[in-house]
């Protein structure tokens, strides 16, 4: 019984650290996708974008006047086809706000919900708004 009590949290923690088994939808490059923690989307048939979690959130609450807007940092994972997932950290106000990978640029456009001083945000409520664009190949420039 002790073994089950020890293994159960490890299994849950391990499941939270991995991308979803399959992508939820297929999106077209240039669009903004909205992902919940642990959710994955396939873009253009090749790029897999996974939103892991919010690593930190010091954004200024909407009902408070702050000297600084604050920052939130999120973990995402990017993979091409069935290749390995590469981790990236993106920020709302600091750099880096975007990651270039495999001919794509993924930018953190927003993180919702916005904080309010009287309420803690449940980690499951977060949504990462990510813009996915293809990066032009510089070698194809005719000039």
Protein backbone atom coordinates (compact mmCIF):
# COMPACT_ATOMS: atom_id res chain seq x y z
CA UNK A 1 0.00 0.00 0.00
CA UNK A 2 2.90 2.35 0.77
CA UNK A 3 4.30 1.72 -2.71
CA UNK A 4 1.01 2.78 -4.33
CA UNK A 5 0.93 5.93 -2.20
CA UNK A 6 4.44 6.83 -3.37
CA UNK A 7 3.97 5.90 -7.05
CA UNK A 8 0.62 7.63 -7.56
CA UNK A 9 1.98 11.22 -7.11
CA UNK A 10 4.94 10.36 -9.36
CA UNK A 11 2.63 9.15 -12.10
CA UNK A 12 0.49 12.27 -11.85
CA UNK A 13 3.54 14.56 -11.84
CA UNK A 14 5.03 12.74 -14.82
CA UNK A 15 1.78 13.01 -16.77
CA UNK A 16 1.65 16.75 -16.14
CA UNK A 17 5.14 17.21 -17.56
CA UNK A 18 4.45 15.62 -20.95
CA UNK A 19 2.57 16.97 -23.94
CA UNK A 20 -0.88 15.59 -24.67
CA UNK A 21 -0.89 12.32 -26.58
CA UNK A 22 -2.20 13.91 -29.75
CA UNK A 23 -2.81 17.42 -31.01
CA UNK A 24 -6.29 18.81 -30.49
CA UNK A 25 -6.64 20.71 -33.75
CA UNK A 26 -4.73 21.69 -36.83
CA UNK A 27 -4.16 25.41 -37.34
CA UNK A 28 -2.85 27.48 -40.22
CA UNK A 29 0.39 29.42 -39.83
CA UNK A 30 -0.12 33.09 -38.97
CA UNK A 31 -3.05 32.45 -36.65
CA UNK A 32 -3.17 32.85 -32.89
CA UNK A 33 -3.90 29.67 -30.97
CA UNK A 34 -5.17 29.57 -27.39
CA UNK A 35 -3.96 26.67 -25.27
CA UNK A 36 -4.70 25.49 -21.75
CA UNK A 37 -1.89 24.01 -19.64
CA UNK A 38 -0.94 20.58 -20.99
CA UNK A 39 -2.71 21.18 -24.30
CA UNK A 40 -1.04 20.69 -27.68
CA UNK A 41 -1.89 21.87 -31.18
CA UNK A 42 -0.49 20.96 -34.59
CA UNK A 43 0.23 23.85 -36.95
CA UNK A 44 0.57 23.43 -40.69
CA UNK A 45 0.66 19.66 -40.36
CA UNK A 46 4.25 19.63 -39.06
CA UNK A 47 4.84 21.83 -35.99
CA UNK A 48 3.54 20.68 -32.63
CA UNK A 49 3.09 23.44 -30.04
CA UNK A 50 2.56 22.44 -26.41
CA UNK A 51 1.75 24.78 -23.49
CA UNK A 52 3.28 23.31 -20.35
CA UNK A 53 2.64 25.67 -17.48
CA UNK A 54 3.01 29.16 -16.07
CA UNK A 55 6.42 29.25 -14.39
CA UNK A 56 5.93 32.65 -12.73
CA UNK A 57 3.34 35.41 -12.76
CA UNK A 58 4.16 38.82 -11.30
CA UNK A 59 1.82 40.81 -13.57
CA UNK A 60 0.21 43.84 -12.01
CA UNK A 61 -3.40 43.13 -10.97
CA UNK A 62 -5.98 44.98 -13.05
CA UNK A 63 -7.47 46.66 -9.96
CA UNK A 64 -4.14 48.05 -8.70
CA UNK A 65 -1.86 50.86 -9.88
CA UNK A 66 1.69 49.52 -10.22
CA UNK A 67 5.02 51.12 -11.00
CA UNK A 68 5.84 48.18 -13.30
CA UNK A 69 3.51 46.03 -15.41
CA UNK A 70 5.14 42.86 -14.14
CA UNK A 71 5.84 39.74 -16.14
CA UNK A 72 4.59 36.21 -16.57
CA UNK A 73 6.83 33.41 -17.83
CA UNK A 74 5.41 30.30 -19.49
CA UNK A 75 6.90 27.01 -20.59
CA UNK A 76 6.14 25.77 -24.08
CA UNK A 77 7.41 22.84 -26.09
CA UNK A 78 7.97 22.75 -29.85
CA UNK A 79 8.49 19.68 -32.02
CA UNK A 80 8.60 18.94 -35.74
CA UNK A 81 6.65 15.89 -36.87
CA UNK A 82 7.41 13.00 -34.55
CA UNK A 83 10.72 14.54 -33.42
CA UNK A 84 11.63 15.37 -29.84
CA UNK A 85 9.98 18.23 -28.00
CA UNK A 86 12.28 21.20 -27.36
CA UNK A 87 11.44 23.36 -24.30
CA UNK A 88 11.27 27.15 -24.45
CA UNK A 89 10.41 29.85 -21.91
CA UNK A 90 8.44 32.85 -23.16
CA UNK A 91 7.54 36.08 -21.35
CA UNK A 92 4.72 38.59 -21.49
CA UNK A 93 6.83 41.75 -21.03
CA UNK A 94 10.46 40.62 -20.82
CA UNK A 95 12.54 38.88 -23.47
CA UNK A 96 12.31 36.38 -24.95
CA UNK A 97 8.67 36.74 -25.96
CA UNK A 98 9.12 34.47 -28.98
CA UNK A 99 11.02 31.36 -30.04
CA UNK A 100 12.26 30.43 -33.51
CA UNK A 101 12.22 26.73 -34.27
CA UNK A 102 12.20 24.68 -37.47
CA UNK A 103 11.22 27.56 -39.75
CA UNK A 104 8.50 28.82 -37.40
CA UNK A 105 8.29 31.70 -34.92
CA UNK A 106 6.03 31.22 -31.89
CA UNK A 107 5.22 34.39 -29.94
CA UNK A 108 3.44 34.70 -26.60
CA UNK A 109 0.81 37.35 -27.42
CA UNK A 110 -1.06 37.23 -24.12
CA UNK A 111 -1.65 35.20 -20.98
CA UNK A 112 -5.16 35.12 -19.54
CA UNK A 113 -6.84 35.60 -17.18
CA UNK A 114 -5.42 38.90 -16.03
CA UNK A 115 -4.64 38.93 -12.31
CA UNK A 116 -6.93 40.63 -9.79
CA UNK A 117 -5.66 41.52 -6.31
CA UNK A 118 -8.51 39.78 -4.47
CA UNK A 119 -8.23 36.40 -6.17
CA UNK A 120 -5.55 33.81 -6.86
CA UNK A 121 -5.51 32.30 -10.35
CA UNK A 122 -5.93 28.52 -10.40
CA UNK A 123 -3.13 27.14 -12.64
CA UNK A 124 -5.72 25.25 -14.73
CA UNK A 125 -7.44 28.56 -15.62
CA UNK A 126 -4.45 29.96 -17.51
CA UNK A 127 -4.60 30.26 -21.29
CA UNK A 128 -1.57 31.02 -23.44
CA UNK A 129 -2.34 33.01 -26.60
CA UNK A 130 0.40 32.05 -29.05
CA UNK A 131 0.90 33.42 -32.55
CA UNK A 132 2.56 30.94 -34.91
CA UNK A 133 4.18 32.25 -38.09
CA UNK A 134 6.44 30.77 -40.71
CA UNK A 135 9.84 32.43 -40.99
CA UNK A 136 10.92 33.24 -44.55
CA UNK A 137 13.97 31.26 -45.64
CA UNK A 138 16.81 33.80 -46.05
CA UNK A 139 18.51 31.57 -48.62
CA UNK A 140 15.53 32.02 -50.97
CA UNK A 141 16.02 35.83 -51.12
CA UNK A 142 16.73 36.71 -54.79
CA UNK A 143 18.73 39.88 -53.97
